[in-house]
Amino acid sequence: MTISQSFSPQTLSQSLPAHDAEALTGGGNTAHILLNGQVYTLRITRAGKLILTK
């Protein structure tokens, strides 16, 4: 089963922040994200998917 949904700026909620993953990674494919003193790694795969790991 495949679930696919496309979002445009018009369909995103006005009350939630939206961030460009490529901007978060500085044009690369990984970024570190801090939450409550924990470091998470956000990675963009070659297939264009996002992986968030602790």
Protein backbone atom coordinates (compact mmCIF):
# COMPACT_ATOMS: atom_id res chain seq x y z
CA MET A 1 0.00 0.00 0.00
CA THR A 2 1.30 3.45 -0.90
CA ILE A 3 0.04 6.66 0.66
CA SER A 4 0.96 9.86 -1.08
CA GLN A 5 -0.15 13.38 -0.41
CA SER A 6 1.07 16.62 -1.90
CA PHE A 7 1.14 19.84 0.07
CA SER A 8 1.28 23.36 -1.23
CA PRO A 9 1.73 26.55 0.80
CA GLN A 10 -2.01 27.13 0.43
CA THR A 11 -2.92 23.76 2.02
CA LEU A 12 -0.62 24.05 5.05
CA SER A 13 -2.23 25.21 8.27
CA GLN A 14 -1.73 28.88 9.02
CA SER A 15 -1.23 28.07 12.72
CA LEU A 16 1.63 25.55 12.32
CA PRO A 17 5.19 26.51 11.37
CA ALA A 18 6.52 25.01 8.12
CA HIS A 19 10.23 24.51 7.48
CA ASP A 20 12.03 23.56 4.29
CA ALA A 21 14.11 20.42 5.00
CA GLU A 22 16.81 21.46 2.52
CA ALA A 23 17.11 24.81 4.30
CA LEU A 24 17.41 23.01 7.66
CA THR A 25 20.27 20.91 6.29
CA GLY A 26 22.02 23.91 4.75
CA GLY A 27 21.84 22.39 1.29
CA GLY A 28 23.34 19.12 2.51
CA ASN A 29 21.55 15.98 3.58
CA THR A 30 21.82 16.02 7.40
CA ALA A 31 21.04 18.37 10.27
CA HIS A 32 21.05 18.09 14.05
CA ILE A 33 17.90 19.06 15.91
CA LEU A 34 17.86 19.71 19.65
CA LEU A 35 14.84 18.96 21.84
CA ASN A 36 14.88 18.97 25.64
CA GLY A 37 18.64 18.47 25.73
CA GLN A 38 18.51 15.53 23.31
CA VAL A 39 20.16 15.61 19.89
CA TYR A 40 18.28 14.15 16.92
CA THR A 41 19.61 13.72 13.39
CA LEU A 42 17.44 14.63 10.42
CA ARG A 43 18.56 13.04 7.17
CA ILE A 44 17.30 13.43 3.60
CA THR A 45 17.71 10.15 1.72
CA ARG A 46 18.66 9.80 -1.94
CA ALA A 47 15.02 8.95 -2.58
CA GLY A 48 13.97 12.31 -1.10
CA LYS A 49 12.51 10.88 2.11
CA LEU A 50 13.15 12.18 5.63
CA ILE A 51 14.55 10.10 8.47
CA LEU A 52 14.68 11.41 12.03
CA THR A 53 16.81 9.41 14.48
CA LYS A 54 17.92 9.86 18.06
